[in-house]
């Protein structure tokens, strides 16, 4: 059974990025989390983030832009 809540380290592993990038997404308000001792992310929240981020470059969470060839809409937060 898949967990319903992930640690920052687990989110980083799922996203194939670093924990620092996960913290950056959180601090930019792009990836909501909750605090239970340490920051945690619900599976549903992570899935929603992935749906919203599709088609966008989120390398810099403070400057999210559409990938080349996509429209000029901004990512809904």
N, C-alpha and C. Protein backbone atom coordinates (compact mmCIF):
# COMPACT_ATOMS: atom_id res chain seq x y z
N UNK A 1 0.85 -1.19 0.00
CA UNK A 1 0.00 0.00 0.00
C UNK A 1 0.88 1.25 0.00
N UNK A 2 0.56 2.18 -0.85
CA UNK A 2 1.31 3.42 -0.97
C UNK A 2 0.99 4.36 0.20
N UNK A 3 2.02 5.02 0.76
CA UNK A 3 1.77 5.93 1.89
C UNK A 3 0.86 7.09 1.48
N UNK A 4 0.15 7.64 2.45
CA UNK A 4 -0.73 8.78 2.19
C UNK A 4 -0.04 10.10 2.47
N UNK A 5 1.13 10.03 3.10
CA UNK A 5 1.86 11.24 3.45
C UNK A 5 3.36 10.98 3.27
N UNK A 6 4.06 11.98 2.75
CA UNK A 6 5.48 11.83 2.45
C UNK A 6 6.32 12.88 3.18
N UNK A 7 7.53 12.50 3.53
CA UNK A 7 8.51 13.45 4.06
C UNK A 7 9.11 14.22 2.89
N UNK A 8 9.84 15.28 3.19
CA UNK A 8 10.51 16.06 2.15
C UNK A 8 11.47 15.16 1.37
N UNK A 9 12.19 14.31 2.08
CA UNK A 9 13.14 13.41 1.42
C UNK A 9 12.42 12.44 0.47
N UNK A 10 11.27 11.94 0.89
CA UNK A 10 10.50 11.04 0.04
C UNK A 10 9.94 11.76 -1.18
N UNK A 11 9.46 13.00 -1.00
CA UNK A 11 8.98 13.80 -2.12
C UNK A 11 10.12 14.04 -3.11
N UNK A 12 11.29 14.37 -2.59
CA UNK A 12 12.45 14.59 -3.46
C UNK A 12 12.76 13.34 -4.27
N UNK A 13 12.68 12.19 -3.66
CA UNK A 13 12.96 10.94 -4.36
C UNK A 13 11.91 10.70 -5.46
N UNK A 14 10.65 10.93 -5.14
CA UNK A 14 9.57 10.76 -6.11
C UNK A 14 9.76 11.70 -7.30
N UNK A 15 10.12 12.96 -7.01
CA UNK A 15 10.30 13.97 -8.06
C UNK A 15 11.66 13.89 -8.73
N UNK A 16 12.51 13.00 -8.22
CA UNK A 16 13.88 12.85 -8.74
C UNK A 16 14.63 14.19 -8.72
N UNK A 17 14.59 14.81 -7.55
CA UNK A 17 15.26 16.08 -7.32
C UNK A 17 15.85 16.06 -5.92
N UNK A 18 16.33 17.19 -5.46
CA UNK A 18 16.93 17.26 -4.13
C UNK A 18 15.92 17.78 -3.11
N UNK A 19 16.16 17.47 -1.83
CA UNK A 19 15.30 18.06 -0.80
C UNK A 19 15.32 19.59 -0.84
N UNK A 20 16.46 20.19 -1.19
CA UNK A 20 16.52 21.65 -1.30
C UNK A 20 15.52 22.18 -2.31
N UNK A 21 15.35 21.46 -3.43
CA UNK A 21 14.38 21.89 -4.44
C UNK A 21 12.95 21.74 -3.91
N UNK A 22 12.70 20.71 -3.13
CA UNK A 22 11.37 20.54 -2.54
C UNK A 22 11.08 21.68 -1.56
N UNK A 23 12.06 22.03 -0.73
CA UNK A 23 11.89 23.17 0.18
C UNK A 23 11.64 24.46 -0.60
N UNK A 24 12.33 24.64 -1.72
CA UNK A 24 12.14 25.84 -2.55
C UNK A 24 10.72 25.90 -3.10
N UNK A 25 10.19 24.75 -3.54
CA UNK A 25 8.81 24.71 -4.03
C UNK A 25 7.84 25.07 -2.90
N UNK A 26 8.12 24.57 -1.70
CA UNK A 26 7.28 24.87 -0.54
C UNK A 26 7.33 26.36 -0.20
N UNK A 27 8.53 26.91 -0.09
CA UNK A 27 8.68 28.31 0.30
C UNK A 27 8.12 29.27 -0.74
N UNK A 28 8.09 28.84 -2.02
CA UNK A 28 7.51 29.68 -3.07
C UNK A 28 5.98 29.57 -3.10
N UNK A 29 5.43 28.67 -2.27
CA UNK A 29 3.98 28.51 -2.23
C UNK A 29 3.43 27.64 -3.35
N UNK A 30 4.30 26.93 -4.04
CA UNK A 30 3.89 26.11 -5.18
C UNK A 30 3.46 24.71 -4.74
N UNK A 31 4.11 24.20 -3.70
CA UNK A 31 3.82 22.86 -3.20
C UNK A 31 3.42 22.96 -1.73
N UNK A 32 2.12 22.97 -1.45
CA UNK A 32 1.66 23.07 -0.06
C UNK A 32 2.10 21.86 0.77
N UNK A 33 2.42 22.09 2.01
CA UNK A 33 2.82 21.03 2.93
C UNK A 33 2.20 21.32 4.29
N UNK A 34 2.32 20.38 5.19
CA UNK A 34 1.89 20.57 6.56
C UNK A 34 3.05 20.19 7.47
N UNK A 35 2.97 20.62 8.70
CA UNK A 35 4.06 20.33 9.62
C UNK A 35 3.57 19.43 10.74
N UNK A 36 4.14 18.25 10.81
CA UNK A 36 3.93 17.28 11.88
C UNK A 36 5.31 16.90 12.38
N UNK A 37 5.88 17.74 13.20
CA UNK A 37 7.28 17.55 13.61
C UNK A 37 8.20 18.14 12.55
N UNK A 38 8.07 17.62 11.33
CA UNK A 38 8.79 18.16 10.17
C UNK A 38 7.78 18.31 9.04
N UNK A 39 8.21 18.94 7.95
CA UNK A 39 7.28 19.15 6.84
C UNK A 39 6.89 17.83 6.20
N UNK A 40 5.62 17.72 5.85
CA UNK A 40 5.09 16.54 5.19
C UNK A 40 4.19 16.99 4.04
N UNK A 41 4.04 16.11 3.06
CA UNK A 41 3.20 16.39 1.90
C UNK A 41 2.23 15.22 1.71
N UNK A 42 0.96 15.53 1.58
CA UNK A 42 -0.03 14.48 1.32
C UNK A 42 0.12 13.97 -0.12
N UNK A 43 -0.14 12.71 -0.34
CA UNK A 43 -0.05 12.12 -1.67
C UNK A 43 -0.93 12.87 -2.66
N UNK A 44 -2.16 13.20 -2.25
CA UNK A 44 -3.09 13.91 -3.13
C UNK A 44 -2.54 15.28 -3.53
N UNK A 45 -1.89 15.96 -2.58
CA UNK A 45 -1.31 17.27 -2.85
C UNK A 45 -0.19 17.15 -3.86
N UNK A 46 0.65 16.14 -3.71
CA UNK A 46 1.75 15.92 -4.65
C UNK A 46 1.21 15.59 -6.04
N UNK A 47 0.19 14.74 -6.11
CA UNK A 47 -0.41 14.40 -7.40
C UNK A 47 -1.00 15.64 -8.07
N UNK A 48 -1.67 16.50 -7.29
CA UNK A 48 -2.24 17.74 -7.82
C UNK A 48 -1.14 18.66 -8.33
N UNK A 49 -0.04 18.78 -7.57
CA UNK A 49 1.09 19.60 -8.01
C UNK A 49 1.61 19.10 -9.35
N UNK A 50 1.77 17.80 -9.50
CA UNK A 50 2.30 17.24 -10.75
C UNK A 50 1.37 17.53 -11.92
N UNK A 51 0.06 17.48 -11.70
CA UNK A 51 -0.90 17.79 -12.76
C UNK A 51 -0.79 19.26 -13.17
N UNK A 52 -0.71 20.14 -12.15
CA UNK A 52 -0.63 21.58 -12.43
C UNK A 52 0.69 21.97 -13.07
N UNK A 53 1.76 21.25 -12.73
CA UNK A 53 3.10 21.61 -13.21
C UNK A 53 3.40 21.07 -14.61
N UNK A 54 2.58 20.16 -15.08
CA UNK A 54 2.83 19.59 -16.40
C UNK A 54 2.82 20.68 -17.46
N UNK A 55 3.87 20.70 -18.27
CA UNK A 55 3.99 21.71 -19.32
C UNK A 55 4.72 22.97 -18.89
N UNK A 56 5.23 22.98 -17.65
CA UNK A 56 5.91 24.15 -17.13
C UNK A 56 7.31 23.81 -16.64
N UNK A 57 8.18 24.80 -16.70
CA UNK A 57 9.53 24.68 -16.13
C UNK A 57 9.44 25.22 -14.71
N UNK A 58 9.55 24.33 -13.72
CA UNK A 58 9.46 24.74 -12.32
C UNK A 58 10.84 24.69 -11.65
N UNK A 59 11.89 24.74 -12.48
CA UNK A 59 13.26 24.71 -11.94
C UNK A 59 13.49 25.85 -10.97
N UNK A 60 12.92 27.01 -11.28
CA UNK A 60 12.97 28.17 -10.38
C UNK A 60 11.54 28.43 -9.92
N UNK A 61 11.17 27.95 -8.74
CA UNK A 61 9.77 28.08 -8.28
C UNK A 61 9.27 29.52 -8.18
N UNK A 62 10.18 30.49 -8.17
CA UNK A 62 9.78 31.89 -8.11
C UNK A 62 9.59 32.48 -9.50
N UNK A 63 9.90 31.69 -10.54
CA UNK A 63 9.77 32.16 -11.92
C UNK A 63 9.35 30.97 -12.78
N UNK A 64 8.13 30.50 -12.60
CA UNK A 64 7.62 29.35 -13.34
C UNK A 64 7.17 29.83 -14.71
N UNK A 65 7.69 29.17 -15.74
CA UNK A 65 7.37 29.55 -17.11
C UNK A 65 6.95 28.32 -17.90
N UNK A 66 6.12 28.55 -18.93
CA UNK A 66 5.73 27.42 -19.78
C UNK A 66 6.96 26.86 -20.50
N UNK A 67 6.94 25.56 -20.73
CA UNK A 67 8.00 24.96 -21.52
C UNK A 67 7.90 25.49 -22.94
N UNK A 68 8.99 25.51 -23.65
CA UNK A 68 9.01 26.01 -25.01
C UNK A 68 7.96 25.28 -25.85
N UNK A 69 7.25 26.04 -26.65
CA UNK A 69 6.22 25.45 -27.48
C UNK A 69 4.86 25.40 -26.82
N UNK A 70 4.78 25.77 -25.54
CA UNK A 70 3.49 25.79 -24.85
C UNK A 70 2.95 27.21 -24.84
N UNK A 71 1.70 27.38 -24.41
CA UNK A 71 1.10 28.71 -24.36
C UNK A 71 1.74 29.55 -23.25
N UNK A 72 1.35 30.78 -23.14
CA UNK A 72 1.95 31.70 -22.17
C UNK A 72 1.15 31.82 -20.88
N UNK A 73 0.31 30.85 -20.58
CA UNK A 73 -0.43 30.89 -19.32
C UNK A 73 0.52 30.68 -18.15
N UNK A 74 0.12 31.11 -16.98
CA UNK A 74 0.91 30.85 -15.79
C UNK A 74 0.33 29.64 -15.08
N UNK A 75 1.18 28.96 -14.33
CA UNK A 75 0.74 27.78 -13.59
C UNK A 75 -0.19 28.19 -12.47
N UNK A 76 -1.33 27.55 -12.39
CA UNK A 76 -2.29 27.83 -11.30
C UNK A 76 -1.73 27.30 -10.01
N UNK A 77 -1.74 28.14 -8.97
CA UNK A 77 -1.24 27.70 -7.66
C UNK A 77 -2.37 27.47 -6.71
